[in-house]
C-alpha atoms as a PDB file:
ATOM      1  CA  MET A   1     -70.612 -17.741 -18.567  1.00  0.00           C
ATOM      2  CA  ILE A   2     -68.217 -15.518 -16.614  1.00  0.00           C
ATOM      3  CA  VAL A   3     -64.448 -15.958 -16.978  1.00  0.00           C
ATOM      4  CA  ILE A   4     -62.351 -15.146 -13.899  1.00  0.00           C
ATOM      5  CA  THR A   5     -58.591 -14.602 -14.015  1.00  0.00           C
ATOM      6  CA  THR A   6     -56.246 -14.807 -11.004  1.00  0.00           C
ATOM      7  CA  PRO A   7     -58.839 -16.878  -9.085  1.00  0.00           C
ATOM      8  CA  THR A   8     -56.418 -17.547  -6.227  1.00  0.00           C
ATOM      9  CA  GLY A   9     -55.221 -13.927  -5.997  1.00  0.00           C
ATOM     10  CA  GLN A  10     -56.214 -11.541  -3.230  1.00  0.00           C
ATOM     11  CA  ILE A  11     -59.029  -9.987  -5.295  1.00  0.00           C
ATOM     12  CA  GLY A  12     -59.842 -12.789  -7.724  1.00  0.00           C
ATOM     13  CA  ARG A  13     -60.572 -15.365  -5.035  1.00  0.00           C
ATOM     14  CA  GLN A  14     -63.053 -13.002  -3.380  1.00  0.00           C
ATOM     15  CA  VAL A  15     -64.757 -12.308  -6.716  1.00  0.00           C
ATOM     16  CA  VAL A  16     -65.119 -16.064  -7.216  1.00  0.00           C
ATOM     17  CA  MET A  17     -66.753 -16.560  -3.816  1.00  0.00           C
ATOM     18  CA  ASN A  18     -69.078 -13.578  -4.287  1.00  0.00           C
ATOM     19  CA  LEU A  19     -70.302 -14.912  -7.620  1.00  0.00           C
ATOM     20  CA  LEU A  20     -70.620 -18.523  -6.448  1.00  0.00           C
ATOM     21  CA  ARG A  21     -72.921 -17.322  -3.674  1.00  0.00           C
ATOM     22  CA  ARG A  22     -75.113 -15.895  -6.446  1.00  0.00           C
ATOM     23  CA  GLY A  23     -75.067 -19.156  -8.386  1.00  0.00           C
ATOM     24  CA  ALA A  24     -73.265 -17.654 -11.381  1.00  0.00           C
ATOM     25  CA  PRO A  25     -71.661 -20.032 -13.926  1.00  0.00           C
ATOM     26  CA  LEU A  26     -67.894 -19.539 -13.733  1.00  0.00           C
ATOM     27  CA  ARG A  27     -64.887 -20.582 -15.777  1.00  0.00           C
ATOM     28  CA  LEU A  28     -61.553 -19.959 -14.072  1.00  0.00           C
ATOM     29  CA  ILE A  29     -58.158 -19.550 -15.714  1.00  0.00           C
ATOM     30  CA  ALA A  30     -55.717 -21.039 -13.218  1.00  0.00           C
ATOM     31  CA  ARG A  31     -52.009 -21.537 -13.664  1.00  0.00           C
ATOM     32  CA  ASP A  32     -52.081 -24.116 -10.850  1.00  0.00           C
ATOM     33  CA  PRO A  33     -55.588 -25.563 -10.348  1.00  0.00           C
ATOM     34  CA  SER A  34     -54.406 -27.477  -7.264  1.00  0.00           C
ATOM     35  CA  ARG A  35     -54.403 -24.155  -5.395  1.00  0.00           C
ATOM     36  CA  LEU A  36     -58.169 -23.830  -5.784  1.00  0.00           C
ATOM     37  CA  ALA A  37     -60.197 -24.757  -2.726  1.00  0.00           C
ATOM     38  CA  ARG A  38     -62.063 -28.033  -3.217  1.00  0.00           C
ATOM     39  CA  GLN A  39     -65.447 -26.392  -2.681  1.00  0.00           C
ATOM     40  CA  VAL A  40     -64.580 -23.971  -5.489  1.00  0.00           C
ATOM     41  CA  ALA A  41     -63.103 -26.493  -7.923  1.00  0.00           C
ATOM     42  CA  GLU A  42     -66.189 -28.681  -7.652  1.00  0.00           C
ATOM     43  CA  ARG A  43     -68.487 -25.872  -8.792  1.00  0.00           C
ATOM     44  CA  VAL A  44     -66.614 -24.250 -11.673  1.00  0.00           C
ATOM     45  CA  GLU A  45     -64.997 -25.007 -15.006  1.00  0.00           C
ATOM     46  CA  VAL A  46     -61.222 -24.667 -15.009  1.00  0.00           C
ATOM     47  CA  VAL A  47     -58.882 -23.861 -17.893  1.00  0.00           C
ATOM     48  CA  GLN A  48     -55.309 -24.506 -16.847  1.00  0.00           C
ATOM     49  CA  GLY A  49     -52.665 -22.088 -18.004  1.00  0.00           C
ATOM     50  CA  SER A  50     -51.499 -18.502 -17.993  1.00  0.00           C
ATOM     51  CA  THR A  51     -53.385 -15.454 -19.213  1.00  0.00           C
ATOM     52  CA  ASP A  52     -50.470 -14.392 -21.415  1.00  0.00           C
ATOM     53  CA  ASP A  53     -51.134 -17.508 -23.541  1.00  0.00           C
ATOM     54  CA  HIS A  54     -53.428 -16.786 -26.499  1.00  0.00           C
ATOM     55  CA  ASP A  55     -54.665 -20.373 -26.725  1.00  0.00           C
ATOM     56  CA  VAL A  56     -55.554 -20.474 -23.027  1.00  0.00           C
ATOM     57  CA  VAL A  57     -57.464 -17.191 -23.147  1.00  0.00           C
ATOM     58  CA  ASN A  58     -59.253 -18.136 -26.369  1.00  0.00           C
ATOM     59  CA  GLU A  59     -60.342 -21.446 -24.856  1.00  0.00           C
ATOM     60  CA  ALA A  60     -61.607 -19.771 -21.706  1.00  0.00           C
ATOM     61  CA  CYS A  61     -63.486 -17.043 -23.581  1.00  0.00           C
ATOM     62  CA  ALA A  62     -65.250 -19.394 -26.004  1.00  0.00           C
ATOM     63  CA  ASP A  63     -69.036 -18.946 -25.426  1.00  0.00           C
ATOM     64  CA  ALA A  64     -68.338 -16.604 -22.462  1.00  0.00           C
ATOM     65  CA  ASP A  65     -69.909 -13.162 -22.377  1.00  0.00           C
ATOM     66  CA  ARG A  66     -68.190 -11.566 -19.342  1.00  0.00           C
ATOM     67  CA  VAL A  67     -64.580 -11.496 -18.140  1.00  0.00           C
ATOM     68  CA  PHE A  68     -62.929 -10.387 -14.907  1.00  0.00           C
ATOM     69  CA  TRP A  69     -59.381  -9.382 -15.795  1.00  0.00           C
ATOM     70  CA  VAL A  70     -56.312  -8.857 -13.628  1.00  0.00           C
ATOM     71  CA  VAL A  71     -52.745  -8.662 -14.893  1.00  0.00           C
ATOM     72  CA  PRO A  72     -50.781 -10.732 -12.351  1.00  0.00           C
ATOM     73  CA  PRO A  73     -47.585  -9.185 -10.994  1.00  0.00           C
ATOM     74  CA  ASN A  74     -44.239 -10.651 -11.979  1.00  0.00           C
ATOM     75  CA  PRO A  75     -41.385  -9.359  -9.808  1.00  0.00           C
ATOM     76  CA  ALA A  76     -38.916 -11.089 -12.163  1.00  0.00           C
ATOM     77  CA  ALA A  77     -40.141  -9.304 -15.304  1.00  0.00           C
ATOM     78  CA  GLY A  78     -37.507  -7.593 -17.410  1.00  0.00           C
ATOM     79  CA  SER A  79     -39.904  -4.826 -18.446  1.00  0.00           C
ATOM     80  CA  VAL A  80     -43.044  -3.561 -16.710  1.00  0.00           C
ATOM     81  CA  GLU A  81     -44.544  -2.234 -19.944  1.00  0.00           C
ATOM     82  CA  LYS A  82     -43.882  -5.457 -21.890  1.00  0.00           C
ATOM     83  CA  HIS A  83     -45.295  -7.546 -19.063  1.00  0.00           C
ATOM     84  CA  PHE A  84     -48.598  -5.666 -19.146  1.00  0.00           C
ATOM     85  CA  ARG A  85     -48.707  -5.740 -22.963  1.00  0.00           C
ATOM     86  CA  ASP A  86     -48.042  -9.476 -23.046  1.00  0.00           C
ATOM     87  CA  PHE A  87     -50.908 -10.109 -20.620  1.00  0.00           C
ATOM     88  CA  THR A  88     -53.338  -7.706 -22.316  1.00  0.00           C
ATOM     89  CA  ARG A  89     -52.908  -8.672 -25.974  1.00  0.00           C
ATOM     90  CA  PRO A  90     -54.427 -12.182 -25.619  1.00  0.00           C
ATOM     91  CA  LEU A  91     -57.555 -10.693 -24.038  1.00  0.00           C
ATOM     92  CA  CYS A  92     -57.926  -8.099 -26.790  1.00  0.00           C
ATOM     93  CA  ASP A  93     -57.516 -10.781 -29.455  1.00  0.00           C
ATOM     94  CA  ALA A  94     -60.038 -13.053 -27.696  1.00  0.00           C
ATOM     95  CA  ILE A  95     -62.582 -10.227 -27.516  1.00  0.00           C
ATOM     96  CA  ALA A  96     -62.304  -9.808 -31.278  1.00  0.00           C
ATOM     97  CA  SER A  97     -62.853 -13.506 -31.969  1.00  0.00           C
ATOM     98  CA  SER A  98     -65.360 -14.496 -29.270  1.00  0.00           C
ATOM     99  CA  GLY A  99     -68.693 -13.410 -27.890  1.00  0.00           C
ATOM    100  CA  VAL A 100     -67.286 -11.504 -24.904  1.00  0.00           C
ATOM    101  CA  LYS A 101     -69.490  -8.456 -24.377  1.00  0.00           C
ATOM    102  CA  ARG A 102     -68.316  -7.049 -21.035  1.00  0.00           C
ATOM    103  CA  VAL A 103     -64.948  -6.834 -19.274  1.00  0.00           C
ATOM    104  CA  VAL A 104     -64.286  -5.708 -15.708  1.00  0.00           C
ATOM    105  CA  ALA A 105     -60.619  -5.178 -14.830  1.00  0.00           C
ATOM    106  CA  VAL A 106     -58.566  -3.998 -11.883  1.00  0.00           C
ATOM    107  CA  SER A 107     -56.711  -0.848 -12.903  1.00  0.00           C
ATOM    108  CA  SER A 108     -55.377   2.206 -11.096  1.00  0.00           C
ATOM    109  CA  LEU A 109     -56.081   5.810 -10.309  1.00  0.00           C
ATOM    110  CA  GLY A 110     -54.070   8.396 -12.209  1.00  0.00           C
ATOM    111  CA  ARG A 111     -55.690   8.630 -15.636  1.00  0.00           C
ATOM    112  CA  GLY A 112     -54.722  11.937 -17.223  1.00  0.00           C
ATOM    113  CA  VAL A 113     -52.139  12.797 -14.567  1.00  0.00           C
ATOM    114  CA  ALA A 114     -49.768   9.820 -14.219  1.00  0.00           C
ATOM    115  CA  ARG A 115     -46.523  10.185 -16.159  1.00  0.00           C
ATOM    116  CA  ASN A 116     -43.770   7.555 -16.052  1.00  0.00           C
ATOM    117  CA  ALA A 117     -45.433   6.045 -12.990  1.00  0.00           C
ATOM    118  CA  GLY A 118     -44.295   2.456 -13.404  1.00  0.00           C
ATOM    119  CA  GLN A 119     -47.014  -0.129 -12.836  1.00  0.00           C
ATOM    120  CA  VAL A 120     -49.677   2.611 -12.684  1.00  0.00           C
ATOM    121  CA  SER A 121     -48.816   3.855 -16.167  1.00  0.00           C
ATOM    122  CA  ALA A 122     -48.741   0.290 -17.460  1.00  0.00           C
ATOM    123  CA  SER A 123     -52.191  -0.446 -16.058  1.00  0.00           C
ATOM    124  CA  LEU A 124     -53.585   2.718 -17.658  1.00  0.00           C
ATOM    125  CA  ALA A 125     -52.116   1.597 -20.995  1.00  0.00           C
ATOM    126  CA  MET A 126     -53.955  -1.709 -20.440  1.00  0.00           C
ATOM    127  CA  ASP A 127     -57.213   0.246 -20.139  1.00  0.00           C
ATOM    128  CA  GLU A 128     -56.557   2.013 -23.422  1.00  0.00           C
ATOM    129  CA  ALA A 129     -55.839  -1.277 -25.201  1.00  0.00           C
ATOM    130  CA  ILE A 130     -59.065  -2.857 -23.920  1.00  0.00           C
ATOM    131  CA  ASP A 131     -61.022   0.310 -24.801  1.00  0.00           C
ATOM    132  CA  SER A 132     -59.740   0.048 -28.370  1.00  0.00           C
ATOM    133  CA  THR A 133     -61.580  -3.252 -28.865  1.00  0.00           C
ATOM    134  CA  GLY A 134     -64.944  -1.543 -28.391  1.00  0.00           C
ATOM    135  CA  VAL A 135     -66.024  -4.006 -25.674  1.00  0.00           C
ATOM    136  CA  HIS A 136     -68.223  -2.732 -22.847  1.00  0.00           C
ATOM    137  CA  TYR A 137     -65.648  -2.043 -20.163  1.00  0.00           C
ATOM    138  CA  ARG A 138     -65.384  -0.996 -16.544  1.00  0.00           C
ATOM    139  CA  ALA A 139     -61.919  -0.239 -15.156  1.00  0.00           C
ATOM    140  CA  LEU A 140     -61.878  -0.452 -11.362  1.00  0.00           C
ATOM    141  CA  CYS A 141     -59.501   2.366 -10.476  1.00  0.00           C
ATOM    142  CA  ALA A 142     -58.042   1.666  -7.072  1.00  0.00           C
ATOM    143  CA  PRO A 143     -55.427   3.385  -4.912  1.00  0.00           C
ATOM    144  CA  GLY A 144     -53.191   1.384  -2.584  1.00  0.00           C
ATOM    145  CA  PHE A 145     -54.790  -1.703  -1.015  1.00  0.00           C
ATOM    146  CA  MET A 146     -55.205  -1.832   2.761  1.00  0.00           C
ATOM    147  CA  ASP A 147     -54.415  -5.540   2.462  1.00  0.00           C
ATOM    148  CA  ASN A 148     -50.875  -4.763   1.302  1.00  0.00           C
ATOM    149  CA  ALA A 149     -50.047  -4.045   4.960  1.00  0.00           C
ATOM    150  CA  LEU A 150     -50.207  -7.809   5.493  1.00  0.00           C
ATOM    151  CA  TRP A 151     -46.951  -8.118   3.548  1.00  0.00           C
ATOM    152  CA  GLN A 152     -45.342  -6.337   6.512  1.00  0.00           C
ATOM    153  CA  ALA A 153     -47.143  -8.313   9.220  1.00  0.00           C
ATOM    154  CA  GLU A 154     -43.907  -9.859  10.457  1.00  0.00           C
ATOM    155  CA  LEU A 155     -42.197  -6.471  10.572  1.00  0.00           C
ATOM    156  CA  ILE A 156     -45.153  -5.009  12.453  1.00  0.00           C
ATOM    157  CA  ARG A 157     -45.169  -7.989  14.816  1.00  0.00           C
ATOM    158  CA  THR A 158     -41.466  -8.088  15.611  1.00  0.00           C
ATOM    159  CA  GLN A 159     -40.321  -4.463  15.231  1.00  0.00           C
ATOM    160  CA  ARG A 160     -43.591  -2.554  15.612  1.00  0.00           C
ATOM    161  CA  VAL A 161     -42.983  -0.551  12.454  1.00  0.00           C
ATOM    162  CA  PHE A 162     -44.256  -0.454   8.896  1.00  0.00           C
ATOM    163  CA  ARG A 163     -42.538   1.239   5.990  1.00  0.00           C
ATOM    164  CA  ALA A 164     -43.231   2.878   2.642  1.00  0.00           C
ATOM    165  CA  PRO A 165     -41.446   5.360   0.341  1.00  0.00           C
ATOM    166  CA  VAL A 166     -43.918   8.206   0.928  1.00  0.00           C
ATOM    167  CA  SER A 167     -43.990  10.967   3.511  1.00  0.00           C
ATOM    168  CA  GLY A 168     -45.762  10.110   6.745  1.00  0.00           C
ATOM    169  CA  GLY A 169     -48.042  13.144   6.631  1.00  0.00           C
ATOM    170  CA  LEU A 170     -49.348  12.695   3.066  1.00  0.00           C
ATOM    171  CA  LYS A 171     -53.068  11.873   3.164  1.00  0.00           C
ATOM    172  CA  LEU A 172     -54.053   9.220   0.627  1.00  0.00           C
ATOM    173  CA  PRO A 173     -57.089   7.129  -0.239  1.00  0.00           C
ATOM    174  CA  THR A 174     -56.857   3.402   0.444  1.00  0.00           C
ATOM    175  CA  CYS A 175     -59.288   0.621  -0.370  1.00  0.00           C
ATOM    176  CA  ALA A 176     -59.911  -2.866   1.022  1.00  0.00           C
ATOM    177  CA  THR A 177     -59.694  -5.661  -1.546  1.00  0.00           C
ATOM    178  CA  ARG A 178     -63.023  -6.993  -0.261  1.00  0.00           C
ATOM    179  CA  ASP A 179     -64.692  -3.820  -1.535  1.00  0.00           C
ATOM    180  CA  ILE A 180     -63.007  -4.038  -4.936  1.00  0.00           C
ATOM    181  CA  ALA A 181     -64.163  -7.643  -5.236  1.00  0.00           C
ATOM    182  CA  ALA A 182     -67.714  -6.719  -4.239  1.00  0.00           C
ATOM    183  CA  VAL A 183     -67.945  -4.015  -6.910  1.00  0.00           C
ATOM    184  CA  ALA A 184     -66.459  -6.362  -9.499  1.00  0.00           C
ATOM    185  CA  ALA A 185     -68.968  -9.098  -8.651  1.00  0.00           C
ATOM    186  CA  ASP A 186     -71.883  -6.655  -8.863  1.00  0.00           C
ATOM    187  CA  LEU A 187     -70.790  -5.535 -12.322  1.00  0.00           C
ATOM    188  CA  LEU A 188     -70.157  -9.074 -13.553  1.00  0.00           C
ATOM    189  CA  ALA A 189     -73.584 -10.203 -12.376  1.00  0.00           C
ATOM    190  CA  ASP A 190     -75.297  -7.289 -14.134  1.00  0.00           C
ATOM    191  CA  ASP A 191     -75.865  -7.501 -17.884  1.00  0.00           C
ATOM    192  CA  SER A 192     -77.569  -4.118 -18.199  1.00  0.00           C
ATOM    193  CA  TRP A 193     -74.595  -1.745 -18.336  1.00  0.00           C
ATOM    194  CA  SER A 194     -72.848  -0.669 -21.496  1.00  0.00           C
ATOM    195  CA  GLY A 195     -70.118   1.609 -22.783  1.00  0.00           C
ATOM    196  CA  GLN A 196     -66.720   2.255 -21.281  1.00  0.00           C
ATOM    197  CA  ALA A 197     -66.072   3.971 -17.970  1.00  0.00           C
ATOM    198  CA  ARG A 198     -63.670   4.252 -15.056  1.00  0.00           C
ATOM    199  CA  VAL A 199     -64.935   3.307 -11.587  1.00  0.00           C
ATOM    200  CA  PRO A 200     -62.887   5.014  -8.844  1.00  0.00           C
ATOM    201  CA  LEU A 201     -62.820   3.087  -5.548  1.00  0.00           C
ATOM    202  CA  LEU A 202     -61.470   5.425  -2.887  1.00  0.00           C
ATOM    203  CA  GLY A 203     -62.395   3.973   0.490  1.00  0.00           C
ATOM    204  CA  PRO A 204     -64.337   6.104   2.983  1.00  0.00           C
ATOM    205  CA  GLU A 205     -61.524   8.521   3.944  1.00  0.00           C
ATOM    206  CA  ASP A 206     -58.025   9.749   3.196  1.00  0.00           C
ATOM    207  CA  LEU A 207     -55.411   8.853   5.791  1.00  0.00           C
ATOM    208  CA  SER A 208     -51.717   9.570   6.162  1.00  0.00           C
ATOM    209  CA  HIS A 209     -49.338   6.753   7.016  1.00  0.00           C
ATOM    210  CA  ASP A 210     -48.751   8.401  10.392  1.00  0.00           C
ATOM    211  CA  GLU A 211     -52.510   8.239  11.023  1.00  0.00           C
ATOM    212  CA  MET A 212     -52.564   4.616   9.892  1.00  0.00           C
ATOM    213  CA  ALA A 213     -49.803   3.829  12.388  1.00  0.00           C
ATOM    214  CA  HIS A 214     -51.870   5.460  15.152  1.00  0.00           C
ATOM    215  CA  ILE A 215     -54.901   3.352  14.230  1.00  0.00           C
ATOM    216  CA  MET A 216     -52.768   0.191  14.110  1.00  0.00           C
ATOM    217  CA  SER A 217     -51.425   1.044  17.572  1.00  0.00           C
ATOM    218  CA  GLU A 218     -54.920   1.370  19.029  1.00  0.00           C
ATOM    219  CA  VAL A 219     -56.258  -1.782  17.373  1.00  0.00           C
ATOM    220  CA  LEU A 220     -53.210  -3.961  18.129  1.00  0.00           C
ATOM    221  CA  GLY A 221     -52.710  -2.593  21.639  1.00  0.00           C
ATOM    222  CA  ARG A 222     -49.040  -1.733  21.167  1.00  0.00           C
ATOM    223  CA  PRO A 223     -47.185   1.254  19.710  1.00  0.00           C
ATOM    224  CA  ILE A 224     -46.689   1.015  15.941  1.00  0.00           C
ATOM    225  CA  ARG A 225     -44.737   3.666  14.073  1.00  0.00           C
ATOM    226  CA  PHE A 226     -44.387   4.527  10.409  1.00  0.00           C
ATOM    227  CA  GLN A 227     -40.965   4.852   8.799  1.00  0.00           C
ATOM    228  CA  GLN A 228     -40.510   6.615   5.460  1.00  0.00           C
ATOM    229  CA  LEU A 229     -37.978   4.952   3.182  1.00  0.00           C
ATOM    230  CA  PRO A 230     -36.000   6.966   0.638  1.00  0.00           C
ATOM    231  CA  LEU A 231     -36.917   5.800  -2.866  1.00  0.00           C
ATOM    232  CA  GLU A 232     -33.409   4.550  -3.608  1.00  0.00           C
ATOM    233  CA  THR A 233     -33.305   2.586  -0.350  1.00  0.00           C
ATOM    234  CA  TYR A 234     -36.711   1.112  -1.144  1.00  0.00           C
ATOM    235  CA  LYS A 235     -35.634   0.076  -4.646  1.00  0.00           C
ATOM    236  CA  ALA A 236     -32.315  -1.374  -3.436  1.00  0.00           C
ATOM    237  CA  THR A 237     -34.149  -3.429  -0.793  1.00  0.00           C
ATOM    238  CA  LEU A 238     -36.459  -4.880  -3.433  1.00  0.00           C
ATOM    239  CA  VAL A 239     -33.557  -5.805  -5.714  1.00  0.00           C
ATOM    240  CA  ARG A 240     -31.676  -7.441  -2.849  1.00  0.00           C
ATOM    241  CA  SER A 241     -34.778  -9.526  -2.124  1.00  0.00           C
ATOM    242  CA  GLY A 242     -34.658 -10.941  -5.669  1.00  0.00           C
ATOM    243  CA  MET A 243     -36.853  -8.538  -7.619  1.00  0.00           C
ATOM    244  CA  SER A 244     -35.716  -7.537 -11.101  1.00  0.00           C
ATOM    245  CA  GLU A 245     -34.211  -4.105 -11.619  1.00  0.00           C
ATOM    246  CA  ALA A 246     -37.060  -3.198 -13.975  1.00  0.00           C
ATOM    247  CA  TRP A 247     -39.891  -4.220 -11.655  1.00  0.00           C
ATOM    248  CA  ALA A 248     -38.259  -2.510  -8.667  1.00  0.00           C
ATOM    249  CA  GLN A 249     -37.726   0.659 -10.698  1.00  0.00           C
ATOM    250  CA  GLY A 250     -41.383   0.549 -11.759  1.00  0.00           C
ATOM    251  CA  LEU A 251     -42.519   0.404  -8.149  1.00  0.00           C
ATOM    252  CA  ALA A 252     -40.176   3.244  -7.216  1.00  0.00           C
ATOM    253  CA  ASP A 253     -41.576   5.317 -10.107  1.00  0.00           C
ATOM    254  CA  MET A 254     -45.106   4.463  -8.971  1.00  0.00           C
ATOM    255  CA  PHE A 255     -44.442   5.684  -5.435  1.00  0.00           C
ATOM    256  CA  ARG A 256     -42.810   8.836  -6.794  1.00  0.00           C
ATOM    257  CA  GLY A 257     -46.035   9.486  -8.680  1.00  0.00           C
ATOM    258  CA  ILE A 258     -48.123   8.796  -5.576  1.00  0.00           C
ATOM    259  CA  GLN A 259     -46.006  11.254  -3.588  1.00  0.00           C
ATOM    260  CA  GLN A 260     -46.644  13.801  -6.359  1.00  0.00           C
ATOM    261  CA  GLY A 261     -50.412  13.322  -6.128  1.00  0.00           C
ATOM    262  CA  ILE A 262     -51.628  10.871  -8.774  1.00  0.00           C
ATOM    263  CA  HIS A 263     -53.858   9.142  -6.198  1.00  0.00           C
ATOM    264  CA  ASN A 264     -55.263  12.448  -4.943  1.00  0.00           C
ATOM    265  CA  ALA A 265     -56.532  13.756  -8.281  1.00  0.00           C
ATOM    266  CA  GLU A 266     -59.921  12.002  -8.016  1.00  0.00           C
ATOM    267  CA  LEU A 267     -62.467  13.628  -5.708  1.00  0.00           C
ATOM    268  CA  ARG A 268     -64.365  11.236  -3.450  1.00  0.00           C
ATOM    269  CA  THR A 269     -68.109  11.007  -4.093  1.00  0.00           C
ATOM    270  CA  SER A 270     -70.872   8.881  -2.606  1.00  0.00           C
ATOM    271  CA  ALA A 271     -70.402   6.490  -5.539  1.00  0.00           C
ATOM    272  CA  SER A 272     -66.620   6.126  -5.128  1.00  0.00           C
ATOM    273  CA  ALA A 273     -66.532   5.935  -1.302  1.00  0.00           C
ATOM    274  CA  THR A 274     -66.260   2.210  -0.641  1.00  0.00           C
ATOM    275  CA  PRO A 275     -67.488   1.122   2.814  1.00  0.00           C
ATOM    276  CA  THR A 276     -64.599  -0.531   4.649  1.00  0.00           C
ATOM    277  CA  GLY A 277     -62.600   1.917   6.744  1.00  0.00           C
ATOM    278  CA  PHE A 278     -58.991   1.326   7.753  1.00  0.00           C
ATOM    279  CA  ARG A 279     -59.854   0.844  11.427  1.00  0.00           C
ATOM    280  CA  GLN A 280     -62.460  -1.784  10.567  1.00  0.00           C
ATOM    281  CA  TRP A 281     -59.974  -3.503   8.267  1.00  0.00           C
ATOM    282  CA  CYS A 282     -57.337  -3.543  11.014  1.00  0.00           C
ATOM    283  CA  GLU A 283     -59.829  -5.045  13.477  1.00  0.00           C
ATOM    284  CA  GLU A 284     -61.098  -7.706  11.117  1.00  0.00           C
ATOM    285  CA  VAL A 285     -58.021  -8.570   9.029  1.00  0.00           C
ATOM    286  CA  LEU A 286     -54.766  -7.224  10.461  1.00  0.00           C
ATOM    287  CA  ARG A 287     -55.340  -8.036  14.139  1.00  0.00           C
ATOM    288  CA  PRO A 288     -56.041 -11.761  13.480  1.00  0.00           C
ATOM    289  CA  ALA A 289     -52.768 -11.897  11.497  1.00  0.00           C
ATOM    290  CA  ILE A 290     -50.737 -10.530  14.437  1.00  0.00           C
ATOM    291  CA  PRO A 291     -51.263 -12.436  17.716  1.00  0.00           C
ATOM    292  CA  PRO A 292     -51.881 -10.389  20.892  1.00  0.00           C
ATOM    293  CA  GLY A 293     -48.690  -9.624  22.797  1.00  0.00           C
ATOM    294  CA  ALA A 294     -46.447 -10.643  19.894  1.00  0.00           C
ATOM    295  CA  GLY A 295     -43.457  -8.488  19.092  1.00  0.00           C
ATOM    296  CA  SER A 296     -40.145  -7.538  20.609  1.00  0.00           C
ATOM    297  CA  GLY A 297     -40.971  -3.855  21.064  1.00  0.00           C
ATOM    298  CA  ARG A 298     -37.689  -2.774  19.470  1.00  0.00           C
END
């Protein structure tokens, strides 16, 4: 039995579909089971609740031997570190009391170099906590997700711009969530691996945000430009949108770390070069989200 967390999230839902195609037995922890597609709900076991609840996680992990773990974001959290601890402790306790043998989790690049890097540092602390249980563990260490550009689809559509608090010329790895989900599913379906290791997932190339804007322009057939936001402006915008001071500060600290190179410390190899390039992702995911001809051109 494989336990899947965040089964309606951008990575979790793809892991679920990948494993269902293989006929794997799945048990999903879902805060709101009504959000599961009918064709999924009919083929899985569901434990309703949150993964920061010890009873929920213990119930889900009973007689399970593999777990896919994601700490869900909470933009209202009063502390980034406490949020990650609260969502990691139930898993660690369940590992100690159940038959879970293998855990695959979504983590971050930056091990050994990230310092005070907000959500990145918190995710690396999660890895250390899971390591301490002795369970066989694979941490999927990802950079920024290509799919995060979809959060700015309306801005791209109406103003032909996308924004981030990094310099436009800084080359960075990016990874498509489909590739993270594919690696996770492969590991969860395989009961031969052991030990604890980090699995960097770096995409096929490093690109700057200026280069990404150029690719978007070619794929969408209209000029798209990148705009760098000062960190304080970025944080203030997040707080005005309703995000807690702590979560916004964590994201600002994370981007400060990215600007300083925490996502560039891992060298790309044939094993870490995931297949989906940014241009392919734009053609297959971004372009369908932004209708042809849409946008004011301002």
